Amino acid sequence: MHNRVKEKNNGFTLLELLIVIAVLAVLAGVLFVALDPASRLQDSRNAKRWTDVNAVLSAIKLDQVDNGGSYLASIAAMSDDTYYRIGEATTGCDDICLNPSRSPQAACIDLLNLIDEGYLADVPIDPNASGKSSNETGYYIYKYSSGQISVGSCHEELGSNSSVQPIEASR
């Protein structure tokens, strides 16, 4: 009598591997949709805009305090209750801000003195504005007749919010 020993296969069949791969693909697809990477990227760019707006406003206010309450010459020369784009050019800064809707003056407000004096590391440029220069920063400044200053972004994105939220800080 011959004893026949059954050979055991310790591997997976092709069908089992295909089923596991299909299940993983479905789970990855569901996870990708649930996390919504486009909204996460928009949220991160909006966070960068908030950081830039607050950095510019803090630099302006620190300069004002250090100079006995006087604003930087370019800000002091601004007309009250008027929007200006932040940049280095003297003209060509009158692009309209879409979010929020603002119509700035044709002249830019130059903040290079804040960099020279060490209050600001660099003139911020909108994170979604690839190839832009310091003449097209994507940020604006507004001086109220009361002397209060607002700095904001022209390119807010929807992100995970149901509507576009303005990015503007005032002091």
Protein backbone atom coordinates (compact mmCIF):
# COMPACT_ATOMS: atom_id res chain seq x y z
CA MET A 1 0.00 0.00 0.00
CA HIS A 2 1.14 3.37 -0.86
CA ASN A 3 0.49 6.25 1.43
CA ARG A 4 -0.32 9.24 -0.58
CA VAL A 5 0.54 12.42 1.17
CA LYS A 6 -1.41 15.44 0.01
CA GLU A 7 0.78 18.31 -0.93
CA LYS A 8 -0.15 21.55 0.78
CA ASN A 9 -0.03 24.85 -1.07
CA ASN A 10 0.97 27.63 1.28
CA GLY A 11 0.50 30.50 -1.20
CA PHE A 12 -2.49 32.52 -2.33
CA THR A 13 -4.33 31.84 -5.52
CA LEU A 14 -4.51 34.45 -8.23
CA LEU A 15 -8.22 34.94 -7.55
CA GLU A 16 -7.59 35.67 -3.87
CA LEU A 17 -4.92 38.22 -4.73
CA LEU A 18 -7.20 39.96 -7.23
CA ILE A 19 -10.00 40.19 -4.68
CA VAL A 20 -7.68 41.72 -2.06
CA ILE A 21 -6.33 44.26 -4.58
CA ALA A 22 -9.87 45.22 -5.65
CA VAL A 23 -10.98 45.73 -2.04
CA LEU A 24 -7.90 47.88 -1.32
CA ALA A 25 -8.56 49.96 -4.45
CA VAL A 26 -12.17 50.60 -3.39
CA LEU A 27 -11.05 51.58 0.13
CA ALA A 28 -8.38 53.92 -1.28
CA GLY A 29 -10.96 55.56 -3.55
CA VAL A 30 -13.38 56.09 -0.67
CA LEU A 31 -10.61 57.50 1.51
CA PHE A 32 -9.44 59.85 -1.27
CA VAL A 33 -12.96 61.25 -1.69
CA ALA A 34 -13.53 61.50 2.07
CA LEU A 35 -10.32 63.45 2.68
CA ASP A 36 -10.89 65.79 -0.30
CA PRO A 37 -7.28 66.80 -0.97
CA ALA A 38 -8.29 69.80 -3.08
CA SER A 39 -10.06 71.37 -0.09
CA ARG A 40 -7.11 70.56 2.17
CA LEU A 41 -4.74 72.33 -0.26
CA GLN A 42 -7.05 75.35 -0.43
CA ASP A 43 -7.22 75.44 3.38
CA SER A 44 -3.43 75.36 3.61
CA ARG A 45 -3.07 78.22 1.11
CA ASN A 46 -5.66 80.22 3.09
CA ALA A 47 -3.67 79.56 6.27
CA LYS A 48 -0.56 80.94 4.51
CA ARG A 49 -2.58 84.01 3.48
CA TRP A 50 -3.64 84.57 7.11
CA THR A 51 -0.01 84.32 8.18
CA ASP A 52 1.09 86.81 5.50
CA VAL A 53 -1.69 89.29 6.32
CA ASN A 54 -0.90 89.22 10.05
CA ALA A 55 2.86 89.48 9.41
CA VAL A 56 2.42 92.59 7.25
CA LEU A 57 0.01 94.20 9.70
CA SER A 58 2.29 93.43 12.67
CA ALA A 59 5.30 94.86 10.81
CA ILE A 60 3.39 98.06 10.02
CA LYS A 61 2.26 98.48 13.62
CA LEU A 62 5.72 97.72 15.08
CA ASP A 63 7.25 100.30 12.75
CA GLN A 64 4.58 102.78 13.82
CA VAL A 65 5.28 102.21 17.52
CA ASP A 66 9.05 102.49 17.02
CA ASN A 67 8.60 105.76 15.12
CA GLY A 68 6.54 107.55 17.74
CA GLY A 69 3.14 106.82 16.20
CA SER A 70 4.05 107.87 12.65
CA TYR A 71 3.26 105.50 9.83
CA LEU A 72 5.74 104.46 7.18
CA ALA A 73 5.91 107.28 4.58
CA SER A 74 4.18 105.22 1.87
CA ILE A 75 1.28 104.42 4.23
CA ALA A 76 1.06 107.97 5.56
CA ALA A 77 0.69 109.20 1.96
CA MET A 78 -2.32 106.91 1.36
CA SER A 79 -5.73 108.52 0.93
CA ASP A 80 -8.14 107.59 3.70
CA ASP A 81 -10.87 105.03 2.99
CA THR A 82 -9.15 103.80 -0.17
CA TYR A 83 -7.81 100.38 -1.16
CA TYR A 84 -4.25 99.96 -2.42
CA ARG A 85 -2.45 96.84 -3.58
CA ILE A 86 0.78 95.95 -1.81
CA GLY A 87 3.71 95.96 -4.23
CA GLU A 88 6.75 97.82 -5.43
CA ALA A 89 5.49 99.43 -8.65
CA THR A 90 4.24 102.99 -8.71
CA THR A 91 1.54 102.15 -11.26
CA GLY A 92 -0.14 99.05 -12.62
CA CYS A 93 -1.42 97.77 -9.31
CA ASP A 94 -5.08 98.43 -9.99
CA ASP A 95 -6.09 94.81 -10.49
CA ILE A 96 -9.47 94.08 -8.98
CA CYS A 97 -9.60 91.77 -6.01
CA LEU A 98 -12.21 89.14 -6.72
CA ASN A 99 -12.57 87.72 -3.22
CA PRO A 100 -13.52 90.07 -1.62
CA SER A 101 -14.53 92.49 -4.37
CA ARG A 102 -12.20 95.49 -4.05
CA SER A 103 -11.08 98.09 -6.59
CA PRO A 104 -7.68 99.34 -5.47
CA GLN A 105 -5.94 102.47 -6.69
CA ALA A 106 -3.48 102.33 -9.60
CA ALA A 107 -0.54 103.05 -7.27
CA CYS A 108 0.97 100.33 -5.12
CA ILE A 109 2.01 100.73 -1.51
CA ASP A 110 5.69 99.90 -1.26
CA LEU A 111 6.68 98.13 1.96
CA LEU A 112 10.39 97.69 1.19
CA ASN A 113 11.33 100.00 4.07
CA LEU A 114 9.78 97.47 6.46
CA ILE A 115 12.17 94.88 5.05
CA ASP A 116 15.15 97.24 5.20
CA GLU A 117 14.38 98.09 8.83
CA GLY A 118 13.97 94.41 9.79
CA TYR A 119 10.25 94.40 10.53
CA LEU A 120 9.35 92.12 7.63
CA ALA A 121 11.43 89.32 6.12
CA ASP A 122 10.06 89.76 2.60
CA VAL A 123 7.05 91.20 0.78
CA PRO A 124 4.61 88.27 0.82
CA ILE A 125 3.27 86.92 -2.46
CA ASP A 126 0.01 84.97 -2.64
CA PRO A 127 0.73 81.21 -2.42
CA ASN A 128 -1.40 80.46 -5.47
CA ALA A 129 0.24 83.14 -7.63
CA SER A 130 3.02 81.17 -9.30
CA GLY A 131 5.39 83.33 -11.29
CA LYS A 132 4.16 86.53 -9.67
CA SER A 133 6.55 89.19 -8.51
CA SER A 134 6.60 91.67 -5.68
CA ASN A 135 4.58 93.99 -7.95
CA GLU A 136 1.68 91.53 -7.99
CA THR A 137 1.52 90.24 -4.44
CA GLY A 138 -2.20 89.47 -4.22
CA TYR A 139 -2.57 91.49 -1.00
CA TYR A 140 -4.14 94.89 -0.34
CA ILE A 141 -4.02 97.56 2.35
CA TYR A 142 -6.73 99.97 3.48
CA LYS A 143 -6.40 102.99 5.75
CA TYR A 144 -9.51 104.19 7.55
CA SER A 145 -10.02 107.89 8.27
CA SER A 146 -9.63 106.98 11.96
CA GLY A 147 -6.05 105.86 11.24
CA GLN A 148 -6.81 102.15 11.58
CA ILE A 149 -5.13 99.88 9.01
CA SER A 150 -6.51 96.75 7.36
CA VAL A 151 -4.49 94.26 5.34
CA GLY A 152 -6.19 91.55 3.31
CA SER A 153 -5.85 88.94 0.60
CA CYS A 154 -7.34 89.21 -2.88
CA HIS A 155 -7.37 85.47 -3.56
CA GLU A 156 -9.24 83.63 -0.81
CA GLU A 157 -10.35 80.13 -1.71
CA LEU A 158 -13.36 78.09 -0.69
CA GLY A 159 -11.45 75.31 1.07
CA SER A 160 -13.61 73.29 3.44
CA ASN A 161 -16.02 76.20 4.05
CA SER A 162 -19.40 76.47 2.40
CA SER A 163 -18.62 80.01 1.19
CA VAL A 164 -15.44 82.00 0.62
CA GLN A 165 -14.37 83.64 3.87
CA PRO A 166 -12.60 87.02 3.67
CA ILE A 167 -9.00 87.07 4.85
CA GLU A 168 -8.52 90.52 6.33
CA ALA A 169 -7.04 91.76 9.60
CA SER A 170 -7.36 95.23 11.11
CA ARG A 171 -5.63 97.12 13.89
